[in-house]
Amino acid sequence: MAVVRRSAGTGALMVLAPMLAALLAGCGPQSPEDVRAAAVAKCERQFGRVASDPSKGTALCTCLTDKLAENGLEITDMLGGDRAKVEELGRSCARSAGVTLPQ
């Protein structure tokens, strides 16, 4: 009868594999509503603080998230060639939400 020896690393991998699989299962496709909600929440954390009222920050971020999606953009496009378009959308949403953006 053959004896199979495993190193400590192999044993640890066998224990971690199911945990890793469960974690990665949460990284799969998400519904459009989940993606939108996450984008609004991220915007609120990053930009919503410029609003004097939390509801205005939410209005700003909801508008910006939706306008970016309508134009096939993301907030990270601010760092590339679409910066002017993202800024334009941000200013428009800020005006409609009643938020004064810093200069």
Foldseek 3Di string as FASTA:
>chain_A
DDDDDDDPVVVVCVVCVVVVVVVCVVVDDDDPVVVLVVQLVVQCVVPLVQAPDNVLSSQLSNQLSVVQVVVVHHPVCCVDDCVVVSVVSSVVSCVVSVGDDDD
